[in-house]
Amino acid sequence: MPKVCNIVGGVISPLLANIALHGMEKAITEGMKYREIKPILVRYADDFVILHTDKEELERATRKITEWLKHMGLVLNPKKTRVTHRNLATDGLHIPAVTLTDAHHSPL
């Protein structure tokens, strides 16, 4: 029987997640015109946030990511996935080990 190595939670795990998820940025902007305001994707290991001012554009990016992940046998966790409005200046944004804020305001 072949041996299987599971590296969840290991030091190399974030690196492997970033290698596996390389290309997400291109996937969410594929097909967009040059002058369109493109969504911004921020990744930290296997967590990511997509930023855009238009909710419809965020929903479109979510659909694109869902399809892109499906080709690798991965799915978004519906309990951890949501499209919402955040004002970085007042609300900030926190994902594990990362806090994003407006450049002129301190993190919450």
Protein backbone atom coordinates (compact mmCIF):
# COMPACT_ATOMS: atom_id res chain seq x y z
CA MET A 1 0.00 0.00 0.00
CA PRO A 2 1.47 3.42 -0.94
CA LYS A 3 2.30 5.89 1.81
CA VAL A 4 0.47 9.22 1.87
CA CYS A 5 1.91 12.37 3.39
CA ASN A 6 -0.54 14.91 4.81
CA ILE A 7 1.08 18.29 5.55
CA VAL A 8 -1.93 20.21 6.89
CA GLY A 9 -0.78 22.74 9.47
CA GLY A 10 2.88 22.20 8.69
CA VAL A 11 5.40 24.91 7.93
CA ILE A 12 5.38 24.01 4.23
CA SER A 13 1.55 24.03 4.02
CA PRO A 14 1.17 27.77 3.16
CA LEU A 15 3.80 27.48 0.43
CA LEU A 16 2.07 24.47 -1.10
CA ALA A 17 -1.29 26.29 -0.97
CA ASN A 18 0.21 29.29 -2.77
CA ILE A 19 1.73 27.05 -5.44
CA ALA A 20 -1.57 25.21 -5.95
CA LEU A 21 -3.61 28.41 -6.10
CA HIS A 22 -1.24 30.27 -8.42
CA GLY A 23 -3.28 31.70 -11.27
CA MET A 24 -6.35 32.80 -9.30
CA GLU A 25 -5.57 36.44 -10.04
CA LYS A 26 -5.64 35.80 -13.77
CA ALA A 27 -8.80 33.69 -13.51
CA ILE A 28 -10.88 36.50 -11.98
CA THR A 29 -9.83 39.08 -14.58
CA GLU A 30 -10.01 36.83 -17.63
CA GLY A 31 -12.25 38.28 -20.33
CA MET A 32 -12.30 41.77 -18.84
CA LYS A 33 -11.61 44.75 -21.07
CA TYR A 34 -8.39 46.72 -20.61
CA ARG A 35 -10.10 49.80 -19.15
CA GLU A 36 -12.42 47.96 -16.76
CA ILE A 37 -11.68 48.25 -13.06
CA LYS A 38 -10.42 44.80 -12.19
CA PRO A 39 -10.98 43.01 -8.90
CA ILE A 40 -7.97 42.72 -6.61
CA LEU A 41 -7.20 39.34 -5.09
CA VAL A 42 -5.24 39.11 -1.82
CA ARG A 43 -4.07 35.64 -0.82
CA TYR A 44 -2.62 34.39 2.43
CA ALA A 45 -1.89 30.65 2.23
CA ASP A 46 -5.28 29.06 1.46
CA ASP A 47 -7.31 32.13 2.52
CA PHE A 48 -8.14 34.87 0.07
CA VAL A 49 -10.15 38.04 -0.29
CA ILE A 50 -11.36 39.63 -3.52
CA LEU A 51 -11.73 43.43 -3.39
CA HIS A 52 -13.84 45.56 -5.73
CA THR A 53 -16.21 48.51 -5.38
CA ASP A 54 -19.03 46.86 -7.36
CA LYS A 55 -20.97 44.00 -5.73
CA GLU A 56 -21.95 42.54 -9.12
CA GLU A 57 -18.28 42.38 -10.10
CA LEU A 58 -17.50 40.57 -6.83
CA GLU A 59 -20.25 38.04 -7.52
CA ARG A 60 -18.89 37.53 -11.05
CA ALA A 61 -15.38 36.98 -9.64
CA THR A 62 -16.79 34.49 -7.11
CA ARG A 63 -18.40 32.50 -9.94
CA LYS A 64 -15.12 32.55 -11.90
CA ILE A 65 -13.14 31.35 -8.86
CA THR A 66 -15.71 28.63 -8.18
CA GLU A 67 -15.30 27.31 -11.74
CA TRP A 68 -11.51 27.65 -11.62
CA LEU A 69 -11.28 25.68 -8.36
CA LYS A 70 -13.67 23.01 -9.64
CA HIS A 71 -11.09 22.01 -12.29
CA MET A 72 -8.68 21.16 -9.46
CA GLY A 73 -11.29 19.25 -7.45
CA LEU A 74 -11.63 22.08 -4.91
CA VAL A 75 -14.72 23.95 -3.70
CA LEU A 76 -15.33 27.13 -1.73
CA ASN A 77 -16.63 26.49 1.77
CA PRO A 78 -20.15 28.03 1.78
CA LYS A 79 -19.91 28.68 5.54
CA LYS A 80 -16.76 30.77 5.04
CA THR A 81 -17.66 32.43 1.74
CA ARG A 82 -19.64 35.65 1.48
CA VAL A 83 -19.94 38.75 -0.63
CA THR A 84 -20.25 41.81 1.54
CA HIS A 85 -19.58 45.53 1.62
CA ARG A 86 -16.71 46.64 3.85
CA ASN A 87 -15.42 50.16 4.28
CA LEU A 88 -11.70 49.65 4.86
CA ALA A 89 -11.42 53.14 6.31
CA THR A 90 -13.84 52.41 9.14
CA ASP A 91 -14.30 48.64 9.29
CA GLY A 92 -10.92 47.27 8.31
CA LEU A 93 -10.70 43.68 7.16
CA HIS A 94 -9.22 40.82 9.13
CA ILE A 95 -8.24 37.38 7.90
CA PRO A 96 -5.95 35.13 9.95
CA ALA A 97 -2.60 36.88 10.50
CA VAL A 98 -3.49 39.76 8.14
CA THR A 99 -5.31 43.02 8.85
CA LEU A 100 -6.09 45.30 5.93
CA THR A 101 -7.08 48.92 6.49
CA ASP A 102 -7.21 52.18 4.63
CA ALA A 103 -3.68 53.60 4.48
CA HIS A 104 -4.74 56.68 6.47
CA HIS A 105 -6.32 54.79 9.37
CA SER A 106 -4.96 52.42 11.96
CA PRO A 107 -6.20 48.79 12.09
CA LEU A 108 -9.12 47.93 14.32
